[in-house]
């Protein structure tokens, strides 16, 4: 889970935070169609990448309206 500050910034900048089911990395890697470094190539694995994917199964954990999938799950009985 992310802090309230992160959730505020996601809402402010109209961004989403995506998550996936754990343990399916090999499957998810088959959905990557292209990848390239777009900034800070000298940082290696920490560089900024542009990744093109197709049919990548993800969940929106935090949306642009402040919605929180984890909080919603706690409300379900």
PDB file of N, CA and C in Angstrom:
ATOM      1  N   UNK A   1       0.834  -1.176   0.000  1.00  0.00           N
ATOM      2  CA  UNK A   1       0.000   0.000   0.000  1.00  0.00           C
ATOM      3  C   UNK A   1       0.875   1.234   0.000  1.00  0.00           C
ATOM      4  N   UNK A   2       0.377   2.262  -0.628  1.00  0.00           N
ATOM      5  CA  UNK A   2       1.107   3.516  -0.744  1.00  0.00           C
ATOM      6  C   UNK A   2       0.643   4.496   0.332  1.00  0.00           C
ATOM      7  N   UNK A   3       1.471   5.497   0.581  1.00  0.00           N
ATOM      8  CA  UNK A   3       1.139   6.512   1.575  1.00  0.00           C
ATOM      9  C   UNK A   3       0.058   7.446   1.033  1.00  0.00           C
ATOM     10  N   UNK A   4      -0.556   8.187   1.958  1.00  0.00           N
ATOM     11  CA  UNK A   4      -1.566   9.165   1.552  1.00  0.00           C
ATOM     12  C   UNK A   4      -0.960  10.230   0.633  1.00  0.00           C
ATOM     13  N   UNK A   5       0.305  10.589   0.859  1.00  0.00           N
ATOM     14  CA  UNK A   5       0.977  11.589   0.024  1.00  0.00           C
ATOM     15  C   UNK A   5       1.057  11.108  -1.427  1.00  0.00           C
ATOM     16  N   UNK A   6       1.416   9.849  -1.628  1.00  0.00           N
ATOM     17  CA  UNK A   6       1.488   9.291  -2.983  1.00  0.00           C
ATOM     18  C   UNK A   6       0.113   9.312  -3.633  1.00  0.00           C
ATOM     19  N   UNK A   7      -0.915   8.939  -2.887  1.00  0.00           N
ATOM     20  CA  UNK A   7      -2.276   8.932  -3.432  1.00  0.00           C
ATOM     21  C   UNK A   7      -2.718  10.351  -3.811  1.00  0.00           C
ATOM     22  N   UNK A   8      -2.333  11.347  -3.017  1.00  0.00           N
ATOM     23  CA  UNK A   8      -2.655  12.745  -3.335  1.00  0.00           C
ATOM     24  C   UNK A   8      -1.976  13.168  -4.637  1.00  0.00           C
ATOM     25  N   UNK A   9      -0.707  12.783  -4.813  1.00  0.00           N
ATOM     26  CA  UNK A   9       0.029  13.142  -6.029  1.00  0.00           C
ATOM     27  C   UNK A   9      -0.543  12.451  -7.261  1.00  0.00           C
ATOM     28  N   UNK A  10      -0.957  11.205  -7.123  1.00  0.00           N
ATOM     29  CA  UNK A  10      -1.584  10.503  -8.244  1.00  0.00           C
ATOM     30  C   UNK A  10      -2.855  11.226  -8.677  1.00  0.00           C
ATOM     31  N   UNK A  11      -3.631  11.656  -7.703  1.00  0.00           N
ATOM     32  CA  UNK A  11      -4.870  12.387  -8.010  1.00  0.00           C
ATOM     33  C   UNK A  11      -4.551  13.743  -8.648  1.00  0.00           C
ATOM     34  N   UNK A  12      -3.599  14.472  -8.077  1.00  0.00           N
ATOM     35  CA  UNK A  12      -3.222  15.793  -8.584  1.00  0.00           C
ATOM     36  C   UNK A  12      -2.756  15.731 -10.038  1.00  0.00           C
ATOM     37  N   UNK A  13      -1.943  14.732 -10.362  1.00  0.00           N
ATOM     38  CA  UNK A  13      -1.377  14.631 -11.702  1.00  0.00           C
ATOM     39  C   UNK A  13      -2.140  13.672 -12.615  1.00  0.00           C
ATOM     40  N   UNK A  14      -3.351  13.297 -12.170  1.00  0.00           N
ATOM     41  CA  UNK A  14      -4.229  12.427 -12.962  1.00  0.00           C
ATOM     42  C   UNK A  14      -3.486  11.177 -13.461  1.00  0.00           C
ATOM     43  N   UNK A  15      -2.879  10.497 -12.504  1.00  0.00           N
ATOM     44  CA  UNK A  15      -2.118   9.285 -12.792  1.00  0.00           C
ATOM     45  C   UNK A  15      -2.754   8.102 -12.069  1.00  0.00           C
ATOM     46  N   UNK A  16      -2.436   6.923 -12.524  1.00  0.00           N
ATOM     47  CA  UNK A  16      -2.929   5.721 -11.862  1.00  0.00           C
ATOM     48  C   UNK A  16      -1.742   4.877 -11.405  1.00  0.00           C
ATOM     49  N   UNK A  17      -1.992   4.025 -10.431  1.00  0.00           N
ATOM     50  CA  UNK A  17      -0.991   3.094  -9.919  1.00  0.00           C
ATOM     51  C   UNK A  17      -1.517   1.706 -10.223  1.00  0.00           C
ATOM     52  N   UNK A  18      -0.770   0.960 -11.020  1.00  0.00           N
ATOM     53  CA  UNK A  18      -1.213  -0.354 -11.472  1.00  0.00           C
ATOM     54  C   UNK A  18      -0.517  -1.458 -10.695  1.00  0.00           C
ATOM     55  N   UNK A  19      -1.232  -2.562 -10.474  1.00  0.00           N
ATOM     56  CA  UNK A  19      -0.669  -3.719  -9.791  1.00  0.00           C
ATOM     57  C   UNK A  19      -1.052  -4.984 -10.551  1.00  0.00           C
ATOM     58  N   UNK A  20      -0.332  -6.052 -10.274  1.00  0.00           N
ATOM     59  CA  UNK A  20      -0.659  -7.343 -10.880  1.00  0.00           C
ATOM     60  C   UNK A  20      -0.695  -8.407  -9.790  1.00  0.00           C
ATOM     61  N   UNK A  21      -1.182  -9.559 -10.148  1.00  0.00           N
ATOM     62  CA  UNK A  21      -1.176 -10.706  -9.260  1.00  0.00           C
ATOM     63  C   UNK A  21       0.278 -11.149  -9.108  1.00  0.00           C
ATOM     64  N   UNK A  22       0.680 -11.514  -7.921  1.00  0.00           N
ATOM     65  CA  UNK A  22       2.048 -11.956  -7.690  1.00  0.00           C
ATOM     66  C   UNK A  22       2.319 -13.331  -8.292  1.00  0.00           C
ATOM     67  N   UNK A  23       3.578 -13.567  -8.626  1.00  0.00           N
ATOM     68  CA  UNK A  23       3.999 -14.870  -9.098  1.00  0.00           C
ATOM     69  C   UNK A  23       3.783 -15.156 -10.574  1.00  0.00           C
ATOM     70  N   UNK A  24       3.484 -14.119 -11.363  1.00  0.00           N
ATOM     71  CA  UNK A  24       3.226 -14.364 -12.788  1.00  0.00           C
ATOM     72  C   UNK A  24       4.171 -13.569 -13.697  1.00  0.00           C
ATOM     73  N   UNK A  25       5.357 -13.296 -13.205  1.00  0.00           N
ATOM     74  CA  UNK A  25       6.320 -12.486 -13.973  1.00  0.00           C
ATOM     75  C   UNK A  25       6.639 -13.080 -15.336  1.00  0.00           C
ATOM     76  N   UNK A  26       6.841 -14.397 -15.401  1.00  0.00           N
ATOM     77  CA  UNK A  26       7.172 -15.028 -16.688  1.00  0.00           C
ATOM     78  C   UNK A  26       6.039 -14.812 -17.684  1.00  0.00           C
ATOM     79  N   UNK A  27       4.797 -14.952 -17.220  1.00  0.00           N
ATOM     80  CA  UNK A  27       3.648 -14.727 -18.096  1.00  0.00           C
ATOM     81  C   UNK A  27       3.583 -13.265 -18.531  1.00  0.00           C
ATOM     82  N   UNK A  28       3.752 -12.343 -17.596  1.00  0.00           N
ATOM     83  CA  UNK A  28       3.686 -10.923 -17.922  1.00  0.00           C
ATOM     84  C   UNK A  28       4.759 -10.528 -18.931  1.00  0.00           C
ATOM     85  N   UNK A  29       5.919 -11.150 -18.845  1.00  0.00           N
ATOM     86  CA  UNK A  29       6.999 -10.806 -19.774  1.00  0.00           C
ATOM     87  C   UNK A  29       6.637 -11.136 -21.224  1.00  0.00           C
ATOM     88  N   UNK A  30       5.715 -12.055 -21.440  1.00  0.00           N
ATOM     89  CA  UNK A  30       5.295 -12.385 -22.813  1.00  0.00           C
ATOM     90  C   UNK A  30       4.440 -11.285 -23.419  1.00  0.00           C
ATOM     91  N   UNK A  31       3.970 -10.365 -22.601  1.00  0.00           N
ATOM     92  CA  UNK A  31       3.117  -9.267 -23.067  1.00  0.00           C
ATOM     93  C   UNK A  31       3.918  -8.036 -23.488  1.00  0.00           C
ATOM     94  N   UNK A  32       5.226  -8.037 -23.216  1.00  0.00           N
ATOM     95  CA  UNK A  32       6.095  -6.917 -23.597  1.00  0.00           C
ATOM     96  C   UNK A  32       6.425  -7.032 -25.086  1.00  0.00           C
ATOM     97  N   UNK A  33       6.073  -5.993 -25.839  1.00  0.00           N
ATOM     98  CA  UNK A  33       6.301  -5.981 -27.282  1.00  0.00           C
ATOM     99  C   UNK A  33       7.536  -5.181 -27.684  1.00  0.00           C
ATOM    100  N   UNK A  34       7.893  -4.168 -26.891  1.00  0.00           N
ATOM    101  CA  UNK A  34       9.066  -3.354 -27.186  1.00  0.00           C
ATOM    102  C   UNK A  34       9.517  -2.672 -25.909  1.00  0.00           C
ATOM    103  N   UNK A  35      10.806  -2.455 -25.778  1.00  0.00           N
ATOM    104  CA  UNK A  35      11.353  -1.759 -24.611  1.00  0.00           C
ATOM    105  C   UNK A  35      12.580  -0.974 -25.038  1.00  0.00           C
ATOM    106  N   UNK A  36      12.671   0.278 -24.562  1.00  0.00           N
ATOM    107  CA  UNK A  36      13.856   1.078 -24.869  1.00  0.00           C
ATOM    108  C   UNK A  36      14.104   2.074 -23.747  1.00  0.00           C
ATOM    109  N   UNK A  37      15.357   2.393 -23.548  1.00  0.00           N
ATOM    110  CA  UNK A  37      15.748   3.386 -22.547  1.00  0.00           C
ATOM    111  C   UNK A  37      15.497   4.768 -23.128  1.00  0.00           C
ATOM    112  N   UNK A  38      14.820   5.623 -22.353  1.00  0.00           N
ATOM    113  CA  UNK A  38      14.551   6.984 -22.835  1.00  0.00           C
ATOM    114  C   UNK A  38      15.280   8.059 -22.034  1.00  0.00           C
ATOM    115  N   UNK A  39      15.839   7.681 -20.874  1.00  0.00           N
ATOM    116  CA  UNK A  39      16.592   8.657 -20.077  1.00  0.00           C
ATOM    117  C   UNK A  39      17.487   7.944 -19.063  1.00  0.00           C
ATOM    118  N   UNK A  40      18.580   8.592 -18.725  1.00  0.00           N
ATOM    119  CA  UNK A  40      19.506   8.113 -17.697  1.00  0.00           C
ATOM    120  C   UNK A  40      20.055   6.714 -17.993  1.00  0.00           C
ATOM    121  N   UNK A  41      20.480   6.489 -19.217  1.00  0.00           N
ATOM    122  CA  UNK A  41      21.002   5.177 -19.602  1.00  0.00           C
ATOM    123  C   UNK A  41      22.203   4.760 -18.754  1.00  0.00           C
ATOM    124  N   UNK A  42      22.926   5.741 -18.214  1.00  0.00           N
ATOM    125  CA  UNK A  42      24.085   5.426 -17.379  1.00  0.00           C
ATOM    126  C   UNK A  42      23.700   4.743 -16.062  1.00  0.00           C
ATOM    127  N   UNK A  43      22.414   4.735 -15.726  1.00  0.00           N
ATOM    128  CA  UNK A  43      21.956   4.113 -14.480  1.00  0.00           C
ATOM    129  C   UNK A  43      21.607   2.636 -14.643  1.00  0.00           C
ATOM    130  N   UNK A  44      21.786   2.120 -15.836  1.00  0.00           N
ATOM    131  CA  UNK A  44      21.525   0.692 -16.062  1.00  0.00           C
ATOM    132  C   UNK A  44      20.079   0.321 -15.764  1.00  0.00           C
ATOM    133  N   UNK A  45      19.878  -0.604 -14.848  1.00  0.00           N
ATOM    134  CA  UNK A  45      18.536  -1.076 -14.513  1.00  0.00           C
ATOM    135  C   UNK A  45      17.654   0.024 -13.921  1.00  0.00           C
ATOM    136  N   UNK A  46      18.258   1.076 -13.405  1.00  0.00           N
ATOM    137  CA  UNK A  46      17.511   2.185 -12.810  1.00  0.00           C
ATOM    138  C   UNK A  46      17.177   3.282 -13.822  1.00  0.00           C
ATOM    139  N   UNK A  47      17.537   3.090 -15.073  1.00  0.00           N
ATOM    140  CA  UNK A  47      17.232   4.062 -16.121  1.00  0.00           C
ATOM    141  C   UNK A  47      15.718   4.178 -16.295  1.00  0.00           C
ATOM    142  N   UNK A  48      15.283   5.196 -17.034  1.00  0.00           N
ATOM    143  CA  UNK A  48      13.866   5.365 -17.353  1.00  0.00           C
ATOM    144  C   UNK A  48      13.604   4.671 -18.686  1.00  0.00           C
ATOM    145  N   UNK A  49      12.640   3.758 -18.690  1.00  0.00           N
ATOM    146  CA  UNK A  49      12.332   2.958 -19.875  1.00  0.00           C
ATOM    147  C   UNK A  49      10.954   3.292 -20.433  1.00  0.00           C
ATOM    148  N   UNK A  50      10.817   3.159 -21.723  1.00  0.00           N
ATOM    149  CA  UNK A  50       9.511   3.165 -22.369  1.00  0.00           C
ATOM    150  C   UNK A  50       9.233   1.699 -22.704  1.00  0.00           C
ATOM    151  N   UNK A  51       8.127   1.192 -22.199  1.00  0.00           N
ATOM    152  CA  UNK A  51       7.791  -0.215 -22.407  1.00  0.00           C
ATOM    153  C   UNK A  51       6.437  -0.289 -23.101  1.00  0.00           C
ATOM    154  N   UNK A  52       6.410  -0.946 -24.246  1.00  0.00           N
ATOM    155  CA  UNK A  52       5.171  -1.145 -25.001  1.00  0.00           C
ATOM    156  C   UNK A  52       4.671  -2.552 -24.680  1.00  0.00           C
ATOM    157  N   UNK A  53       3.420  -2.635 -24.222  1.00  0.00           N
ATOM    158  CA  UNK A  53       2.830  -3.924 -23.878  1.00  0.00           C
ATOM    159  C   UNK A  53       1.510  -4.108 -24.614  1.00  0.00           C
ATOM    160  N   UNK A  54       1.072  -5.350 -24.697  1.00  0.00           N
ATOM    161  CA  UNK A  54      -0.213  -5.649 -25.326  1.00  0.00           C
ATOM    162  C   UNK A  54      -0.955  -6.651 -24.450  1.00  0.00           C
ATOM    163  N   UNK A  55      -2.219  -6.321 -24.145  1.00  0.00           N
ATOM    164  CA  UNK A  55      -3.073  -7.202 -23.332  1.00  0.00           C
ATOM    165  C   UNK A  55      -2.441  -7.546 -21.990  1.00  0.00           C
ATOM    166  N   UNK A  56      -1.880  -6.557 -21.319  1.00  0.00           N
ATOM    167  CA  UNK A  56      -1.250  -6.762 -20.025  1.00  0.00           C
ATOM    168  C   UNK A  56      -2.324  -6.730 -18.940  1.00  0.00           C
ATOM    169  N   UNK A  57      -2.535  -7.852 -18.248  1.00  0.00           N
ATOM    170  CA  UNK A  57      -3.601  -7.913 -17.239  1.00  0.00           C
ATOM    171  C   UNK A  57      -3.172  -7.277 -15.916  1.00  0.00           C
ATOM    172  N   UNK A  58      -3.655  -6.060 -15.668  1.00  0.00           N
ATOM    173  CA  UNK A  58      -3.326  -5.331 -14.450  1.00  0.00           C
ATOM    174  C   UNK A  58      -4.592  -4.819 -13.787  1.00  0.00           C
ATOM    175  N   UNK A  59      -4.462  -4.479 -12.516  1.00  0.00           N
ATOM    176  CA  UNK A  59      -5.548  -3.849 -11.764  1.00  0.00           C
ATOM    177  C   UNK A  59      -5.144  -2.412 -11.469  1.00  0.00           C
ATOM    178  N   UNK A  60      -6.123  -1.507 -11.434  1.00  0.00           N
ATOM    179  CA  UNK A  60      -5.867  -0.131 -11.021  1.00  0.00           C
ATOM    180  C   UNK A  60      -6.004  -0.106  -9.499  1.00  0.00           C
ATOM    181  N   UNK A  61      -4.885   0.066  -8.812  1.00  0.00           N
ATOM    182  CA  UNK A  61      -4.894   0.091  -7.355  1.00  0.00           C
ATOM    183  C   UNK A  61      -5.368   1.450  -6.842  1.00  0.00           C
ATOM    184  N   UNK A  62      -4.864   2.524  -7.465  1.00  0.00           N
ATOM    185  CA  UNK A  62      -5.246   3.888  -7.094  1.00  0.00           C
ATOM    186  C   UNK A  62      -5.590   4.626  -8.370  1.00  0.00           C
ATOM    187  N   UNK A  63      -6.775   5.251  -8.397  1.00  0.00           N
ATOM    188  CA  UNK A  63      -7.202   5.933  -9.617  1.00  0.00           C
ATOM    189  C   UNK A  63      -7.088   7.446  -9.496  1.00  0.00           C
ATOM    190  N   UNK A  64      -7.462   8.162 -10.555  1.00  0.00           N
ATOM    191  CA  UNK A  64      -7.310   9.620 -10.592  1.00  0.00           C
ATOM    192  C   UNK A  64      -8.317  10.349  -9.713  1.00  0.00           C
ATOM    193  N   UNK A  65      -9.290   9.628  -9.175  1.00  0.00           N
ATOM    194  CA  UNK A  65     -10.311  10.230  -8.313  1.00  0.00           C
ATOM    195  C   UNK A  65     -10.038   9.977  -6.838  1.00  0.00           C
ATOM    196  N   UNK A  66      -8.930   9.318  -6.534  1.00  0.00           N
ATOM    197  CA  UNK A  66      -8.615   8.998  -5.146  1.00  0.00           C
ATOM    198  C   UNK A  66      -9.107   7.623  -4.730  1.00  0.00           C
ATOM    199  N   UNK A  67      -9.660   6.868  -5.681  1.00  0.00           N
ATOM    200  CA  UNK A  67     -10.121   5.515  -5.371  1.00  0.00           C
ATOM    201  C   UNK A  67      -8.957   4.615  -4.984  1.00  0.00           C
ATOM    202  N   UNK A  68      -9.216   3.704  -4.061  1.00  0.00           N
ATOM    203  CA  UNK A  68      -8.183   2.833  -3.509  1.00  0.00           C
ATOM    204  C   UNK A  68      -8.734   1.407  -3.443  1.00  0.00           C
ATOM    205  N   UNK A  69      -8.215   0.524  -4.272  1.00  0.00           N
ATOM    206  CA  UNK A  69      -8.710  -0.851  -4.328  1.00  0.00           C
ATOM    207  C   UNK A  69      -8.548  -1.563  -2.987  1.00  0.00           C
ATOM    208  N   UNK A  70      -7.509  -1.233  -2.236  1.00  0.00           N
ATOM    209  CA  UNK A  70      -7.267  -1.876  -0.954  1.00  0.00           C
ATOM    210  C   UNK A  70      -8.287  -1.438   0.090  1.00  0.00           C
ATOM    211  N   UNK A  71      -8.617  -0.150   0.091  1.00  0.00           N
ATOM    212  CA  UNK A  71      -9.652   0.351   1.008  1.00  0.00           C
ATOM    213  C   UNK A  71     -11.012  -0.231   0.636  1.00  0.00           C
ATOM    214  N   UNK A  72     -11.287  -0.312  -0.662  1.00  0.00           N
ATOM    215  CA  UNK A  72     -12.561  -0.876  -1.121  1.00  0.00           C
ATOM    216  C   UNK A  72     -12.704  -2.327  -0.681  1.00  0.00           C
ATOM    217  N   UNK A  73     -11.613  -3.080  -0.745  1.00  0.00           N
ATOM    218  CA  UNK A  73     -11.645  -4.499  -0.351  1.00  0.00           C
ATOM    219  C   UNK A  73     -11.978  -4.646   1.123  1.00  0.00           C
ATOM    220  N   UNK A  74     -11.560  -3.689   1.937  1.00  0.00           N
ATOM    221  CA  UNK A  74     -11.847  -3.752   3.369  1.00  0.00           C
ATOM    222  C   UNK A  74     -13.325  -3.518   3.660  1.00  0.00           C
ATOM    223  N   UNK A  75     -14.035  -2.871   2.736  1.00  0.00           N
ATOM    224  CA  UNK A  75     -15.450  -2.571   2.930  1.00  0.00           C
ATOM    225  C   UNK A  75     -16.355  -3.740   2.569  1.00  0.00           C
ATOM    226  N   UNK A  76     -15.842  -4.711   1.856  1.00  0.00           N
ATOM    227  CA  UNK A  76     -16.622  -5.862   1.418  1.00  0.00           C
ATOM    228  C   UNK A  76     -16.714  -6.864   2.562  1.00  0.00           C
ATOM    229  N   UNK A  77     -17.915  -7.307   2.833  1.00  0.00           N
ATOM    230  CA  UNK A  77     -18.097  -8.291   3.920  1.00  0.00           C
ATOM    231  C   UNK A  77     -18.275  -9.667   3.362  1.00  0.00           C
TER     232      UNK A  77
END
